[in-house]
């Protein structure tokens, strides 16, 4: 993914060498970046850069992770869990598996 432009709080990029689909991310990225897809539309996808640390995300960005809504995002921001076990108590084991598949990190360590 290469960055193209940003509009408000969403950062857009385009994949290299493929159909020109637009990719939006609530997290800024610079240079070539791999994106984990979290949602899709007709001609666009939404995702987070691989390796994003959830400690660096606010409530708005956390809500882009499948399985995390407003209440869970607020709880994560308020409690800032220090380990995967504490995070699992907030989001549940299915969401932990999803976060792991998305390549997210917690405190610099893989989830």
PDB file of N, CA and C in Angstrom:
ATOM      1  N   UNK A   1       0.842  -1.154   0.000  1.00  0.00           N
ATOM      2  CA  UNK A   1       0.000   0.000   0.000  1.00  0.00           C
ATOM      3  C   UNK A   1       0.898   1.231   0.000  1.00  0.00           C
ATOM      4  N   UNK A   2       0.570   2.174  -0.847  1.00  0.00           N
ATOM      5  CA  UNK A   2       1.304   3.436  -0.821  1.00  0.00           C
ATOM      6  C   UNK A   2       0.323   4.545  -0.459  1.00  0.00           C
ATOM      7  N   UNK A   3       0.742   5.476   0.391  1.00  0.00           N
ATOM      8  CA  UNK A   3      -0.166   6.550   0.796  1.00  0.00           C
ATOM      9  C   UNK A   3      -0.517   7.442  -0.392  1.00  0.00           C
ATOM     10  N   UNK A   4      -1.764   7.910  -0.426  1.00  0.00           N
ATOM     11  CA  UNK A   4      -2.203   8.777  -1.510  1.00  0.00           C
ATOM     12  C   UNK A   4      -2.627  10.148  -0.995  1.00  0.00           C
ATOM     13  N   UNK A   5      -3.535  10.176  -0.023  1.00  0.00           N
ATOM     14  CA  UNK A   5      -4.016  11.446   0.526  1.00  0.00           C
ATOM     15  C   UNK A   5      -4.779  11.161   1.806  1.00  0.00           C
ATOM     16  N   UNK A   6      -5.136  12.211   2.521  1.00  0.00           N
ATOM     17  CA  UNK A   6      -6.011  12.024   3.673  1.00  0.00           C
ATOM     18  C   UNK A   6      -7.155  13.015   3.575  1.00  0.00           C
ATOM     19  N   UNK A   7      -8.275  12.596   4.136  1.00  0.00           N
ATOM     20  CA  UNK A   7      -9.469  13.416   4.160  1.00  0.00           C
ATOM     21  C   UNK A   7      -9.998  13.371   5.581  1.00  0.00           C
ATOM     22  N   UNK A   8      -9.843  14.453   6.305  1.00  0.00           N
ATOM     23  CA  UNK A   8     -10.222  14.451   7.714  1.00  0.00           C
ATOM     24  C   UNK A   8      -9.317  13.521   8.498  1.00  0.00           C
ATOM     25  N   UNK A   9      -9.919  12.564   9.194  1.00  0.00           N
ATOM     26  CA  UNK A   9      -9.152  11.639  10.025  1.00  0.00           C
ATOM     27  C   UNK A   9      -8.966  10.270   9.373  1.00  0.00           C
ATOM     28  N   UNK A  10      -9.244  10.160   8.088  1.00  0.00           N
ATOM     29  CA  UNK A  10      -9.053   8.907   7.370  1.00  0.00           C
ATOM     30  C   UNK A  10      -7.916   9.090   6.371  1.00  0.00           C
ATOM     31  N   UNK A  11      -7.004   8.140   6.348  1.00  0.00           N
ATOM     32  CA  UNK A  11      -5.838   8.173   5.473  1.00  0.00           C
ATOM     33  C   UNK A  11      -6.057   7.152   4.360  1.00  0.00           C
ATOM     34  N   UNK A  12      -5.849   7.572   3.116  1.00  0.00           N
ATOM     35  CA  UNK A  12      -6.118   6.717   1.966  1.00  0.00           C
ATOM     36  C   UNK A  12      -4.836   6.327   1.257  1.00  0.00           C
ATOM     37  N   UNK A  13      -4.852   5.130   0.697  1.00  0.00           N
ATOM     38  CA  UNK A  13      -3.732   4.652  -0.083  1.00  0.00           C
ATOM     39  C   UNK A  13      -4.237   3.755  -1.190  1.00  0.00           C
ATOM     40  N   UNK A  14      -3.327   3.370  -2.057  1.00  0.00           N
ATOM     41  CA  UNK A  14      -3.680   2.480  -3.164  1.00  0.00           C
ATOM     42  C   UNK A  14      -2.695   1.321  -3.199  1.00  0.00           C
ATOM     43  N   UNK A  15      -3.194   0.107  -3.490  1.00  0.00           N
ATOM     44  CA  UNK A  15      -2.303  -1.049  -3.600  1.00  0.00           C
ATOM     45  C   UNK A  15      -1.426  -0.932  -4.843  1.00  0.00           C
ATOM     46  N   UNK A  16      -0.272  -1.522  -4.781  1.00  0.00           N
ATOM     47  CA  UNK A  16       0.654  -1.518  -5.912  1.00  0.00           C
ATOM     48  C   UNK A  16       0.282  -2.599  -6.915  1.00  0.00           C
ATOM     49  N   UNK A  17       0.267  -2.271  -8.190  1.00  0.00           N
ATOM     50  CA  UNK A  17       0.123  -3.251  -9.251  1.00  0.00           C
ATOM     51  C   UNK A  17      -1.170  -4.029  -9.282  1.00  0.00           C
ATOM     52  N   UNK A  18      -2.262  -3.453  -8.813  1.00  0.00           N
ATOM     53  CA  UNK A  18      -3.536  -4.159  -8.833  1.00  0.00           C
ATOM     54  C   UNK A  18      -4.626  -3.227  -9.343  1.00  0.00           C
ATOM     55  N   UNK A  19      -5.819  -3.752  -9.405  1.00  0.00           N
ATOM     56  CA  UNK A  19      -6.975  -2.938  -9.747  1.00  0.00           C
ATOM     57  C   UNK A  19      -6.983  -1.723  -8.816  1.00  0.00           C
ATOM     58  N   UNK A  20      -7.262  -0.540  -9.338  1.00  0.00           N
ATOM     59  CA  UNK A  20      -7.149   0.677  -8.518  1.00  0.00           C
ATOM     60  C   UNK A  20      -8.254   0.824  -7.475  1.00  0.00           C
ATOM     61  N   UNK A  21      -8.158   0.061  -6.443  1.00  0.00           N
ATOM     62  CA  UNK A  21      -9.128   0.128  -5.353  1.00  0.00           C
ATOM     63  C   UNK A  21      -8.586   1.086  -4.291  1.00  0.00           C
ATOM     64  N   UNK A  22      -9.470   1.790  -3.640  1.00  0.00           N
ATOM     65  CA  UNK A  22      -9.075   2.757  -2.623  1.00  0.00           C
ATOM     66  C   UNK A  22      -9.116   2.096  -1.251  1.00  0.00           C
ATOM     67  N   UNK A  23      -8.092   2.330  -0.454  1.00  0.00           N
ATOM     68  CA  UNK A  23      -7.993   1.754   0.886  1.00  0.00           C
ATOM     69  C   UNK A  23      -7.974   2.892   1.896  1.00  0.00           C
ATOM     70  N   UNK A  24      -8.874   2.830   2.873  1.00  0.00           N
ATOM     71  CA  UNK A  24      -8.932   3.833   3.926  1.00  0.00           C
ATOM     72  C   UNK A  24      -8.497   3.242   5.246  1.00  0.00           C
ATOM     73  N   UNK A  25      -7.788   4.036   6.038  1.00  0.00           N
ATOM     74  CA  UNK A  25      -7.320   3.595   7.347  1.00  0.00           C
ATOM     75  C   UNK A  25      -7.461   4.742   8.347  1.00  0.00           C
ATOM     76  N   UNK A  26      -7.924   4.445   9.561  1.00  0.00           N
ATOM     77  CA  UNK A  26      -7.992   5.490  10.573  1.00  0.00           C
ATOM     78  C   UNK A  26      -6.615   5.824  11.157  1.00  0.00           C
ATOM     79  N   UNK A  27      -5.615   5.021  10.788  1.00  0.00           N
ATOM     80  CA  UNK A  27      -4.250   5.191  11.292  1.00  0.00           C
ATOM     81  C   UNK A  27      -3.370   5.637  10.132  1.00  0.00           C
ATOM     82  N   UNK A  28      -2.598   6.688  10.331  1.00  0.00           N
ATOM     83  CA  UNK A  28      -1.736   7.167   9.252  1.00  0.00           C
ATOM     84  C   UNK A  28      -0.613   6.173   8.984  1.00  0.00           C
ATOM     85  N   UNK A  29      -0.135   6.180   7.758  1.00  0.00           N
ATOM     86  CA  UNK A  29       0.986   5.316   7.376  1.00  0.00           C
ATOM     87  C   UNK A  29       1.830   6.068   6.364  1.00  0.00           C
ATOM     88  N   UNK A  30       3.112   5.766   6.368  1.00  0.00           N
ATOM     89  CA  UNK A  30       4.045   6.437   5.474  1.00  0.00           C
ATOM     90  C   UNK A  30       4.789   5.384   4.674  1.00  0.00           C
ATOM     91  N   UNK A  31       4.991   5.661   3.419  1.00  0.00           N
ATOM     92  CA  UNK A  31       5.708   4.719   2.575  1.00  0.00           C
ATOM     93  C   UNK A  31       4.903   3.464   2.334  1.00  0.00           C
ATOM     94  N   UNK A  32       5.540   2.474   1.736  1.00  0.00           N
ATOM     95  CA  UNK A  32       4.873   1.212   1.443  1.00  0.00           C
ATOM     96  C   UNK A  32       4.498   0.516   2.747  1.00  0.00           C
ATOM     97  N   UNK A  33       3.241   0.114   2.852  1.00  0.00           N
ATOM     98  CA  UNK A  33       2.727  -0.478   4.078  1.00  0.00           C
ATOM     99  C   UNK A  33       1.777  -1.617   3.750  1.00  0.00           C
ATOM    100  N   UNK A  34       1.871  -2.710   4.480  1.00  0.00           N
ATOM    101  CA  UNK A  34       0.900  -3.790   4.365  1.00  0.00           C
ATOM    102  C   UNK A  34      -0.292  -3.459   5.251  1.00  0.00           C
ATOM    103  N   UNK A  35      -1.482  -3.675   4.716  1.00  0.00           N
ATOM    104  CA  UNK A  35      -2.715  -3.337   5.422  1.00  0.00           C
ATOM    105  C   UNK A  35      -3.517  -4.612   5.670  1.00  0.00           C
ATOM    106  N   UNK A  36      -4.026  -4.768   6.894  1.00  0.00           N
ATOM    107  CA  UNK A  36      -4.937  -5.866   7.227  1.00  0.00           C
ATOM    108  C   UNK A  36      -6.356  -5.348   7.028  1.00  0.00           C
ATOM    109  N   UNK A  37      -7.118  -5.982   6.159  1.00  0.00           N
ATOM    110  CA  UNK A  37      -8.467  -5.543   5.817  1.00  0.00           C
ATOM    111  C   UNK A  37      -9.420  -5.840   6.976  1.00  0.00           C
ATOM    112  N   UNK A  38     -10.181  -4.810   7.393  1.00  0.00           N
ATOM    113  CA  UNK A  38     -11.138  -4.974   8.480  1.00  0.00           C
ATOM    114  C   UNK A  38     -12.580  -4.825   8.016  1.00  0.00           C
ATOM    115  N   UNK A  39     -12.787  -4.227   6.813  1.00  0.00           N
ATOM    116  CA  UNK A  39     -14.135  -4.035   6.279  1.00  0.00           C
ATOM    117  C   UNK A  39     -14.016  -3.720   4.788  1.00  0.00           C
ATOM    118  N   UNK A  40     -15.146  -3.714   4.090  1.00  0.00           N
ATOM    119  CA  UNK A  40     -15.110  -3.422   2.656  1.00  0.00           C
ATOM    120  C   UNK A  40     -16.394  -2.745   2.210  1.00  0.00           C
ATOM    121  N   UNK A  41     -16.299  -2.079   1.077  1.00  0.00           N
ATOM    122  CA  UNK A  41     -17.438  -1.456   0.417  1.00  0.00           C
ATOM    123  C   UNK A  41     -17.445  -1.897  -1.035  1.00  0.00           C
ATOM    124  N   UNK A  42     -18.177  -1.186  -1.887  1.00  0.00           N
ATOM    125  CA  UNK A  42     -18.279  -1.557  -3.302  1.00  0.00           C
ATOM    126  C   UNK A  42     -16.934  -1.453  -4.026  1.00  0.00           C
ATOM    127  N   UNK A  43     -16.220  -0.358  -3.856  1.00  0.00           N
ATOM    128  CA  UNK A  43     -14.950  -0.151  -4.544  1.00  0.00           C
ATOM    129  C   UNK A  43     -13.858   0.314  -3.587  1.00  0.00           C
ATOM    130  N   UNK A  44     -14.020  -0.007  -2.330  1.00  0.00           N
ATOM    131  CA  UNK A  44     -13.022   0.404  -1.355  1.00  0.00           C
ATOM    132  C   UNK A  44     -12.938  -0.618  -0.226  1.00  0.00           C
ATOM    133  N   UNK A  45     -11.842  -0.565   0.496  1.00  0.00           N
ATOM    134  CA  UNK A  45     -11.680  -1.401   1.684  1.00  0.00           C
ATOM    135  C   UNK A  45     -11.170  -0.533   2.821  1.00  0.00           C
ATOM    136  N   UNK A  46     -11.389  -0.993   4.022  1.00  0.00           N
ATOM    137  CA  UNK A  46     -10.908  -0.324   5.218  1.00  0.00           C
ATOM    138  C   UNK A  46      -9.956  -1.274   5.911  1.00  0.00           C
ATOM    139  N   UNK A  47      -8.889  -0.742   6.470  1.00  0.00           N
ATOM    140  CA  UNK A  47      -7.941  -1.608   7.146  1.00  0.00           C
ATOM    141  C   UNK A  47      -7.022  -0.861   8.081  1.00  0.00           C
ATOM    142  N   UNK A  48      -6.204  -1.630   8.748  1.00  0.00           N
ATOM    143  CA  UNK A  48      -5.197  -1.101   9.672  1.00  0.00           C
ATOM    144  C   UNK A  48      -3.827  -1.586   9.223  1.00  0.00           C
ATOM    145  N   UNK A  49      -2.819  -0.731   9.324  1.00  0.00           N
ATOM    146  CA  UNK A  49      -1.465  -1.184   8.984  1.00  0.00           C
ATOM    147  C   UNK A  49      -1.065  -2.384   9.846  1.00  0.00           C
ATOM    148  N   UNK A  50      -0.454  -3.392   9.221  1.00  0.00           N
ATOM    149  CA  UNK A  50       0.030  -4.548   9.984  1.00  0.00           C
ATOM    150  C   UNK A  50       1.000  -4.078  11.054  1.00  0.00           C
ATOM    151  N   UNK A  51       0.914  -4.689  12.216  1.00  0.00           N
ATOM    152  CA  UNK A  51       1.814  -4.336  13.306  1.00  0.00           C
ATOM    153  C   UNK A  51       1.359  -3.151  14.129  1.00  0.00           C
ATOM    154  N   UNK A  52       0.149  -2.651  13.873  1.00  0.00           N
ATOM    155  CA  UNK A  52      -0.367  -1.530  14.663  1.00  0.00           C
ATOM    156  C   UNK A  52      -0.483  -1.958  16.119  1.00  0.00           C
ATOM    157  N   UNK A  53       0.033  -1.130  17.015  1.00  0.00           N
ATOM    158  CA  UNK A  53      -0.040  -1.416  18.450  1.00  0.00           C
ATOM    159  C   UNK A  53      -1.303  -0.771  19.000  1.00  0.00           C
ATOM    160  N   UNK A  54      -2.183  -1.560  19.614  1.00  0.00           N
ATOM    161  CA  UNK A  54      -3.439  -0.995  20.099  1.00  0.00           C
ATOM    162  C   UNK A  54      -3.225   0.003  21.229  1.00  0.00           C
ATOM    163  N   UNK A  55      -2.054  -0.016  21.855  1.00  0.00           N
ATOM    164  CA  UNK A  55      -1.755   0.990  22.873  1.00  0.00           C
ATOM    165  C   UNK A  55      -1.688   2.392  22.267  1.00  0.00           C
ATOM    166  N   UNK A  56      -1.429   2.468  20.959  1.00  0.00           N
ATOM    167  CA  UNK A  56      -1.308   3.776  20.307  1.00  0.00           C
ATOM    168  C   UNK A  56      -2.636   4.255  19.731  1.00  0.00           C
ATOM    169  N   UNK A  57      -3.683   3.442  19.846  1.00  0.00           N
ATOM    170  CA  UNK A  57      -4.974   3.789  19.258  1.00  0.00           C
ATOM    171  C   UNK A  57      -5.917   4.405  20.273  1.00  0.00           C
ATOM    172  N   UNK A  58      -6.686   5.366  19.805  1.00  0.00           N
ATOM    173  CA  UNK A  58      -7.733   5.963  20.616  1.00  0.00           C
ATOM    174  C   UNK A  58      -9.044   5.224  20.392  1.00  0.00           C
ATOM    175  N   UNK A  59     -10.086   5.706  21.037  1.00  0.00           N
ATOM    176  CA  UNK A  59     -11.401   5.061  20.936  1.00  0.00           C
ATOM    177  C   UNK A  59     -11.882   4.989  19.481  1.00  0.00           C
ATOM    178  N   UNK A  60     -11.727   6.055  18.728  1.00  0.00           N
ATOM    179  CA  UNK A  60     -12.193   6.081  17.341  1.00  0.00           C
ATOM    180  C   UNK A  60     -11.508   5.018  16.497  1.00  0.00           C
ATOM    181  N   UNK A  61     -10.196   4.895  16.616  1.00  0.00           N
ATOM    182  CA  UNK A  61      -9.447   3.926  15.830  1.00  0.00           C
ATOM    183  C   UNK A  61      -9.744   2.495  16.254  1.00  0.00           C
ATOM    184  N   UNK A  62      -9.909   2.263  17.551  1.00  0.00           N
ATOM    185  CA  UNK A  62     -10.197   0.920  18.061  1.00  0.00           C
ATOM    186  C   UNK A  62     -11.513   0.377  17.507  1.00  0.00           C
ATOM    187  N   UNK A  63     -12.460   1.264  17.237  1.00  0.00           N
ATOM    188  CA  UNK A  63     -13.763   0.833  16.740  1.00  0.00           C
ATOM    189  C   UNK A  63     -13.690   0.264  15.329  1.00  0.00           C
ATOM    190  N   UNK A  64     -12.579   0.426  14.639  1.00  0.00           N
ATOM    191  CA  UNK A  64     -12.405  -0.155  13.310  1.00  0.00           C
ATOM    192  C   UNK A  64     -12.029  -1.636  13.378  1.00  0.00           C
ATOM    193  N   UNK A  65     -11.702  -2.129  14.552  1.00  0.00           N
ATOM    194  CA  UNK A  65     -11.346  -3.539  14.714  1.00  0.00           C
ATOM    195  C   UNK A  65     -12.636  -4.338  14.869  1.00  0.00           C
ATOM    196  N   UNK A  66     -12.839  -5.364  14.026  1.00  0.00           N
ATOM    197  CA  UNK A  66     -14.056  -6.175  14.144  1.00  0.00           C
ATOM    198  C   UNK A  66     -14.201  -6.756  15.556  1.00  0.00           C
ATOM    199  N   UNK A  67     -15.401  -6.629  16.118  1.00  0.00           N
ATOM    200  CA  UNK A  67     -15.672  -7.142  17.456  1.00  0.00           C
ATOM    201  C   UNK A  67     -15.514  -6.104  18.550  1.00  0.00           C
ATOM    202  N   UNK A  68     -15.035  -4.926  18.180  1.00  0.00           N
ATOM    203  CA  UNK A  68     -14.872  -3.855  19.174  1.00  0.00           C
ATOM    204  C   UNK A  68     -15.786  -2.704  18.801  1.00  0.00           C
ATOM    205  N   UNK A  69     -16.761  -2.478  19.627  1.00  0.00           N
ATOM    206  CA  UNK A  69     -17.685  -1.362  19.440  1.00  0.00           C
ATOM    207  C   UNK A  69     -17.323  -0.219  20.371  1.00  0.00           C
ATOM    208  N   UNK A  70     -18.247   0.695  20.517  1.00  0.00           N
ATOM    209  CA  UNK A  70     -18.013   1.894  21.328  1.00  0.00           C
ATOM    210  C   UNK A  70     -17.664   1.555  22.784  1.00  0.00           C
ATOM    211  N   UNK A  71     -18.443   0.678  23.400  1.00  0.00           N
ATOM    212  CA  UNK A  71     -18.229   0.379  24.816  1.00  0.00           C
ATOM    213  C   UNK A  71     -16.894  -0.328  25.062  1.00  0.00           C
ATOM    214  N   UNK A  72     -16.576  -1.316  24.253  1.00  0.00           N
ATOM    215  CA  UNK A  72     -15.301  -2.022  24.424  1.00  0.00           C
ATOM    216  C   UNK A  72     -14.127  -1.084  24.143  1.00  0.00           C
ATOM    217  N   UNK A  73     -14.263  -0.231  23.123  1.00  0.00           N
ATOM    218  CA  UNK A  73     -13.189   0.715  22.812  1.00  0.00           C
ATOM    219  C   UNK A  73     -12.949   1.654  23.996  1.00  0.00           C
ATOM    220  N   UNK A  74     -14.008   2.145  24.591  1.00  0.00           N
ATOM    221  CA  UNK A  74     -13.868   3.036  25.759  1.00  0.00           C
ATOM    222  C   UNK A  74     -13.201   2.309  26.932  1.00  0.00           C
ATOM    223  N   UNK A  75     -13.596   1.059  27.140  1.00  0.00           N
ATOM    224  CA  UNK A  75     -13.006   0.284  28.233  1.00  0.00           C
ATOM    225  C   UNK A  75     -11.516   0.064  28.000  1.00  0.00           C
ATOM    226  N   UNK A  76     -11.133  -0.247  26.762  1.00  0.00           N
ATOM    227  CA  UNK A  76      -9.713  -0.446  26.445  1.00  0.00           C
ATOM    228  C   UNK A  76      -8.931   0.834  26.693  1.00  0.00           C
ATOM    229  N   UNK A  77      -9.459   1.966  26.254  1.00  0.00           N
ATOM    230  CA  UNK A  77      -8.769   3.249  26.445  1.00  0.00           C
ATOM    231  C   UNK A  77      -8.666   3.579  27.927  1.00  0.00           C
ATOM    232  N   UNK A  78      -9.737   3.322  28.677  1.00  0.00           N
ATOM    233  CA  UNK A  78      -9.743   3.639  30.106  1.00  0.00           C
ATOM    234  C   UNK A  78      -8.797   2.737  30.896  1.00  0.00           C
ATOM    235  N   UNK A  79      -8.829   1.424  30.628  1.00  0.00           N
ATOM    236  CA  UNK A  79      -8.029   0.476  31.405  1.00  0.00           C
ATOM    237  C   UNK A  79      -6.632   0.247  30.847  1.00  0.00           C
ATOM    238  N   UNK A  80      -6.433   0.427  29.550  1.00  0.00           N
ATOM    239  CA  UNK A  80      -5.161   0.152  28.871  1.00  0.00           C
ATOM    240  C   UNK A  80      -4.544  -1.144  29.396  1.00  0.00           C
ATOM    241  N   UNK A  81      -5.137  -2.282  28.989  1.00  0.00           N
ATOM    242  CA  UNK A  81      -4.647  -3.580  29.471  1.00  0.00           C
ATOM    243  C   UNK A  81      -3.172  -3.777  29.156  1.00  0.00           C
ATOM    244  N   UNK A  82      -2.468  -4.408  30.088  1.00  0.00           N
ATOM    245  CA  UNK A  82      -1.019  -4.589  29.928  1.00  0.00           C
ATOM    246  C   UNK A  82      -0.662  -5.930  29.291  1.00  0.00           C
ATOM    247  N   UNK A  83      -1.619  -6.819  29.156  1.00  0.00           N
ATOM    248  CA  UNK A  83      -1.336  -8.122  28.566  1.00  0.00           C
ATOM    249  C   UNK A  83      -2.543  -8.672  27.838  1.00  0.00           C
ATOM    250  N   UNK A  84      -2.316  -9.713  27.062  1.00  0.00           N
ATOM    251  CA  UNK A  84      -3.383 -10.320  26.281  1.00  0.00           C
ATOM    252  C   UNK A  84      -4.489 -10.875  27.174  1.00  0.00           C
ATOM    253  N   UNK A  85      -4.132 -11.389  28.345  1.00  0.00           N
ATOM    254  CA  UNK A  85      -5.139 -11.908  29.271  1.00  0.00           C
ATOM    255  C   UNK A  85      -6.110 -10.827  29.718  1.00  0.00           C
ATOM    256  N   UNK A  86      -5.577  -9.668  30.081  1.00  0.00           N
ATOM    257  CA  UNK A  86      -6.435  -8.548  30.492  1.00  0.00           C
ATOM    258  C   UNK A  86      -7.288  -8.064  29.323  1.00  0.00           C
ATOM    259  N   UNK A  87      -6.696  -8.040  28.133  1.00  0.00           N
ATOM    260  CA  UNK A  87      -7.441  -7.625  26.955  1.00  0.00           C
ATOM    261  C   UNK A  87      -8.560  -8.611  26.650  1.00  0.00           C
ATOM    262  N   UNK A  88      -8.299  -9.909  26.802  1.00  0.00           N
ATOM    263  CA  UNK A  88      -9.307 -10.945  26.554  1.00  0.00           C
ATOM    264  C   UNK A  88     -10.499 -10.801  27.501  1.00  0.00           C
ATOM    265  N   UNK A  89     -10.253 -10.343  28.728  1.00  0.00           N
ATOM    266  CA  UNK A  89     -11.349 -10.129  29.674  1.00  0.00           C
ATOM    267  C   UNK A  89     -12.296  -9.040  29.177  1.00  0.00           C
ATOM    268  N   UNK A  90     -11.776  -8.096  28.402  1.00  0.00           N
ATOM    269  CA  UNK A  90     -12.583  -6.991  27.884  1.00  0.00           C
ATOM    270  C   UNK A  90     -13.282  -7.373  26.585  1.00  0.00           C
ATOM    271  N   UNK A  91     -12.551  -7.996  25.658  1.00  0.00           N
ATOM    272  CA  UNK A  91     -13.081  -8.207  24.306  1.00  0.00           C
ATOM    273  C   UNK A  91     -13.514  -9.640  24.012  1.00  0.00           C
ATOM    274  N   UNK A  92     -13.064 -10.607  24.793  1.00  0.00           N
ATOM    275  CA  UNK A  92     -13.407 -12.006  24.552  1.00  0.00           C
ATOM    276  C   UNK A  92     -12.396 -12.704  23.663  1.00  0.00           C
ATOM    277  N   UNK A  93     -12.411 -14.018  23.705  1.00  0.00           N
ATOM    278  CA  UNK A  93     -11.399 -14.809  22.996  1.00  0.00           C
ATOM    279  C   UNK A  93     -11.553 -14.753  21.478  1.00  0.00           C
ATOM    280  N   UNK A  94     -12.787 -14.653  20.964  1.00  0.00           N
ATOM    281  CA  UNK A  94     -12.977 -14.581  19.509  1.00  0.00           C
ATOM    282  C   UNK A  94     -12.367 -13.303  18.944  1.00  0.00           C
ATOM    283  N   UNK A  95     -12.538 -12.196  19.630  1.00  0.00           N
ATOM    284  CA  UNK A  95     -11.969 -10.932  19.157  1.00  0.00           C
ATOM    285  C   UNK A  95     -10.451 -10.951  19.286  1.00  0.00           C
ATOM    286  N   UNK A  96      -9.928 -11.623  20.301  1.00  0.00           N
ATOM    287  CA  UNK A  96      -8.474 -11.769  20.432  1.00  0.00           C
ATOM    288  C   UNK A  96      -7.926 -12.517  19.218  1.00  0.00           C
ATOM    289  N   UNK A  97      -8.613 -13.578  18.795  1.00  0.00           N
ATOM    290  CA  UNK A  97      -8.182 -14.332  17.610  1.00  0.00           C
ATOM    291  C   UNK A  97      -8.196 -13.445  16.373  1.00  0.00           C
ATOM    292  N   UNK A  98      -9.235 -12.639  16.230  1.00  0.00           N
ATOM    293  CA  UNK A  98      -9.321 -11.719  15.096  1.00  0.00           C
ATOM    294  C   UNK A  98      -8.179 -10.716  15.131  1.00  0.00           C
ATOM    295  N   UNK A  99      -7.903 -10.165  16.301  1.00  0.00           N
ATOM    296  CA  UNK A  99      -6.828  -9.184  16.439  1.00  0.00           C
ATOM    297  C   UNK A  99      -5.477  -9.810  16.102  1.00  0.00           C
ATOM    298  N   UNK A 100      -5.299 -11.047  16.478  1.00  0.00           N
ATOM    299  CA  UNK A 100      -4.064 -11.755  16.163  1.00  0.00           C
ATOM    300  C   UNK A 100      -3.925 -11.946  14.657  1.00  0.00           C
ATOM    301  N   UNK A 101      -5.021 -12.333  13.993  1.00  0.00           N
ATOM    302  CA  UNK A 101      -5.003 -12.519  12.540  1.00  0.00           C
ATOM    303  C   UNK A 101      -4.734 -11.210  11.807  1.00  0.00           C
ATOM    304  N   UNK A 102      -5.140 -10.093  12.393  1.00  0.00           N
ATOM    305  CA  UNK A 102      -4.916  -8.783  11.782  1.00  0.00           C
ATOM    306  C   UNK A 102      -3.488  -8.283  12.003  1.00  0.00           C
ATOM    307  N   UNK A 103      -2.695  -9.044  12.753  1.00  0.00           N
ATOM    308  CA  UNK A 103      -1.309  -8.657  12.986  1.00  0.00           C
ATOM    309  C   UNK A 103      -1.155  -7.502  13.969  1.00  0.00           C
ATOM    310  N   UNK A 104      -2.150  -7.308  14.842  1.00  0.00           N
ATOM    311  CA  UNK A 104      -2.071  -6.220  15.821  1.00  0.00           C
ATOM    312  C   UNK A 104      -1.151  -6.601  16.963  1.00  0.00           C
ATOM    313  N   UNK A 105      -0.693  -5.590  17.656  1.00  0.00           N
ATOM    314  CA  UNK A 105       0.218  -5.789  18.786  1.00  0.00           C
ATOM    315  C   UNK A 105      -0.359  -5.119  20.036  1.00  0.00           C
ATOM    316  N   UNK A 106       0.139  -5.548  21.177  1.00  0.00           N
ATOM    317  CA  UNK A 106      -0.197  -4.958  22.461  1.00  0.00           C
ATOM    318  C   UNK A 106       1.102  -4.782  23.223  1.00  0.00           C
ATOM    319  N   UNK A 107       1.459  -3.547  23.497  1.00  0.00           N
ATOM    320  CA  UNK A 107       2.720  -3.283  24.183  1.00  0.00           C
ATOM    321  C   UNK A 107       3.926  -3.725  23.387  1.00  0.00           C
ATOM    322  N   UNK A 108       3.821  -3.666  22.044  1.00  0.00           N
ATOM    323  CA  UNK A 108       4.929  -4.048  21.186  1.00  0.00           C
ATOM    324  C   UNK A 108       5.046  -5.542  20.935  1.00  0.00           C
ATOM    325  N   UNK A 109       4.165  -6.336  21.544  1.00  0.00           N
ATOM    326  CA  UNK A 109       4.203  -7.802  21.375  1.00  0.00           C
ATOM    327  C   UNK A 109       2.981  -8.258  20.589  1.00  0.00           C
ATOM    328  N   UNK A 110       3.152  -9.320  19.810  1.00  0.00           N
ATOM    329  CA  UNK A 110       2.039  -9.883  19.060  1.00  0.00           C
ATOM    330  C   UNK A 110       0.923 -10.308  20.002  1.00  0.00           C
ATOM    331  N   UNK A 111      -0.301 -10.110  19.547  1.00  0.00           N
ATOM    332  CA  UNK A 111      -1.473 -10.537  20.333  1.00  0.00           C
ATOM    333  C   UNK A 111      -1.700 -12.014  20.059  1.00  0.00           C
TER     334      UNK A 111
END
